[in-house]
Amino acid sequence: MTTEGKRIAKYAAVGAVIGIPAPIIGPIIGGIIGAVIGANKNKKLYGRPY
């Protein structure tokens, strides 16, 4: 796995953990938001989101 992919996975996992208090939809939305944040960080660092 590339460093970019690891970063996206890490942010998605953190977002999912943060979303746990909302029972069903929280981890899903948190994971999506975390992945978007990770992709944006990759885009800033490397010029591509993946």
N, C-alpha and C. Protein backbone atom coordinates (compact mmCIF):
# COMPACT_ATOMS: atom_id res chain seq x y z
N MET A 1 0.86 -1.17 0.00
CA MET A 1 0.00 0.00 0.00
C MET A 1 0.90 1.23 0.00
N THR A 2 0.53 2.20 -0.79
CA THR A 2 1.32 3.43 -0.86
C THR A 2 1.11 4.28 0.38
N THR A 3 2.00 5.24 0.57
CA THR A 3 1.85 6.13 1.72
C THR A 3 0.58 6.96 1.62
N GLU A 4 0.18 7.29 0.39
CA GLU A 4 -1.04 8.05 0.20
C GLU A 4 -2.25 7.23 0.62
N GLY A 5 -2.27 5.96 0.24
CA GLY A 5 -3.37 5.07 0.63
C GLY A 5 -3.43 4.85 2.12
N LYS A 6 -2.27 4.73 2.73
CA LYS A 6 -2.22 4.57 4.19
C LYS A 6 -2.78 5.80 4.88
N ARG A 7 -2.47 6.98 4.36
CA ARG A 7 -2.97 8.21 4.97
C ARG A 7 -4.49 8.27 4.87
N ILE A 8 -5.05 7.94 3.71
CA ILE A 8 -6.50 7.96 3.55
C ILE A 8 -7.15 6.95 4.48
N ALA A 9 -6.58 5.75 4.59
CA ALA A 9 -7.14 4.72 5.48
C ALA A 9 -7.08 5.16 6.93
N LYS A 10 -5.98 5.80 7.32
CA LYS A 10 -5.84 6.26 8.70
C LYS A 10 -6.88 7.32 9.03
N TYR A 11 -7.06 8.29 8.15
CA TYR A 11 -8.05 9.34 8.42
C TYR A 11 -9.47 8.78 8.39
N ALA A 12 -9.74 7.81 7.51
CA ALA A 12 -11.06 7.19 7.47
C ALA A 12 -11.34 6.44 8.76
N ALA A 13 -10.33 5.73 9.29
CA ALA A 13 -10.51 5.00 10.54
C ALA A 13 -10.75 5.96 11.71
N VAL A 14 -10.00 7.05 11.75
CA VAL A 14 -10.20 8.04 12.82
C VAL A 14 -11.59 8.65 12.72
N GLY A 15 -12.03 8.96 11.51
CA GLY A 15 -13.38 9.51 11.34
C GLY A 15 -14.46 8.53 11.77
N ALA A 16 -14.25 7.26 11.49
CA ALA A 16 -15.23 6.25 11.89
C ALA A 16 -15.28 6.11 13.41
N VAL A 17 -14.13 6.17 14.06
CA VAL A 17 -14.10 6.07 15.52
C VAL A 17 -14.78 7.28 16.15
N ILE A 18 -14.54 8.45 15.59
CA ILE A 18 -15.17 9.66 16.12
C ILE A 18 -16.69 9.59 15.94
N GLY A 19 -17.15 8.95 14.87
CA GLY A 19 -18.58 8.86 14.60
C GLY A 19 -19.31 7.76 15.36
N ILE A 20 -18.64 7.00 16.21
CA ILE A 20 -19.27 5.90 16.94
C ILE A 20 -20.45 6.33 17.81
N PRO A 21 -20.43 7.49 18.48
CA PRO A 21 -21.57 7.84 19.33
C PRO A 21 -22.92 7.88 18.59
N ALA A 22 -22.94 8.19 17.33
CA ALA A 22 -24.17 8.11 16.55
C ALA A 22 -24.28 6.66 16.07
N PRO A 23 -25.29 5.90 16.51
CA PRO A 23 -25.29 4.44 16.42
C PRO A 23 -25.09 3.83 15.03
N ILE A 24 -25.89 4.16 14.05
CA ILE A 24 -25.82 3.43 12.79
C ILE A 24 -25.08 4.22 11.71
N ILE A 25 -25.48 5.42 11.49
CA ILE A 25 -24.95 6.19 10.38
C ILE A 25 -23.66 6.93 10.73
N GLY A 26 -23.36 7.11 12.02
CA GLY A 26 -22.20 7.88 12.44
C GLY A 26 -20.88 7.36 11.91
N PRO A 27 -20.55 6.06 12.08
CA PRO A 27 -19.28 5.57 11.56
C PRO A 27 -19.16 5.64 10.04
N ILE A 28 -20.27 5.47 9.35
CA ILE A 28 -20.24 5.54 7.89
C ILE A 28 -19.90 6.96 7.45
N ILE A 29 -20.64 7.93 7.97
CA ILE A 29 -20.40 9.33 7.62
C ILE A 29 -19.02 9.76 8.09
N GLY A 30 -18.62 9.34 9.29
CA GLY A 30 -17.30 9.68 9.81
C GLY A 30 -16.18 9.12 8.94
N GLY A 31 -16.35 7.90 8.47
CA GLY A 31 -15.35 7.30 7.59
C GLY A 31 -15.23 8.03 6.27
N ILE A 32 -16.36 8.43 5.71
CA ILE A 32 -16.35 9.17 4.45
C ILE A 32 -15.67 10.52 4.64
N ILE A 33 -16.04 11.22 5.70
CA ILE A 33 -15.43 12.53 5.97
C ILE A 33 -13.93 12.38 6.21
N GLY A 34 -13.53 11.37 6.97
CA GLY A 34 -12.11 11.14 7.21
C GLY A 34 -11.35 10.83 5.93
N ALA A 35 -11.93 10.03 5.04
CA ALA A 35 -11.28 9.72 3.77
C ALA A 35 -11.13 10.95 2.90
N VAL A 36 -12.13 11.82 2.90
CA VAL A 36 -12.05 13.06 2.14
C VAL A 36 -10.95 13.96 2.69
N ILE A 37 -10.85 14.04 4.02
CA ILE A 37 -9.79 14.85 4.63
C ILE A 37 -8.42 14.28 4.26
N GLY A 38 -8.26 12.97 4.31
CA GLY A 38 -7.00 12.34 3.93
C GLY A 38 -6.66 12.57 2.46
N ALA A 39 -7.65 12.49 1.59
CA ALA A 39 -7.41 12.73 0.17
C ALA A 39 -7.01 14.18 -0.08
N ASN A 40 -7.64 15.11 0.63
CA ASN A 40 -7.27 16.51 0.46
C ASN A 40 -5.85 16.77 0.96
N LYS A 41 -5.47 16.11 2.05
CA LYS A 41 -4.10 16.27 2.55
C LYS A 41 -3.11 15.70 1.54
N ASN A 42 -3.43 14.55 0.93
CA ASN A 42 -2.56 13.98 -0.10
C ASN A 42 -2.44 14.93 -1.28
N LYS A 43 -3.55 15.56 -1.65
CA LYS A 43 -3.54 16.47 -2.80
C LYS A 43 -2.63 17.66 -2.53
N LYS A 44 -2.65 18.15 -1.29
CA LYS A 44 -1.78 19.27 -0.93
C LYS A 44 -0.31 18.84 -0.94
N LEU A 45 -0.02 17.64 -0.44
CA LEU A 45 1.36 17.19 -0.33
C LEU A 45 1.95 16.71 -1.65
N TYR A 46 1.18 15.95 -2.43
CA TYR A 46 1.72 15.29 -3.60
C TYR A 46 1.09 15.74 -4.92
N GLY A 47 0.04 16.53 -4.89
CA GLY A 47 -0.59 16.96 -6.13
C GLY A 47 -1.60 15.98 -6.68
N ARG A 48 -1.81 14.87 -6.00
CA ARG A 48 -2.84 13.89 -6.43
C ARG A 48 -3.50 13.32 -5.18
N PRO A 49 -4.78 12.99 -5.23
CA PRO A 49 -5.49 12.56 -4.03
C PRO A 49 -5.30 11.10 -3.66
N TYR A 50 -4.68 10.28 -4.51
CA TYR A 50 -4.58 8.85 -4.22
C TYR A 50 -3.18 8.45 -3.87
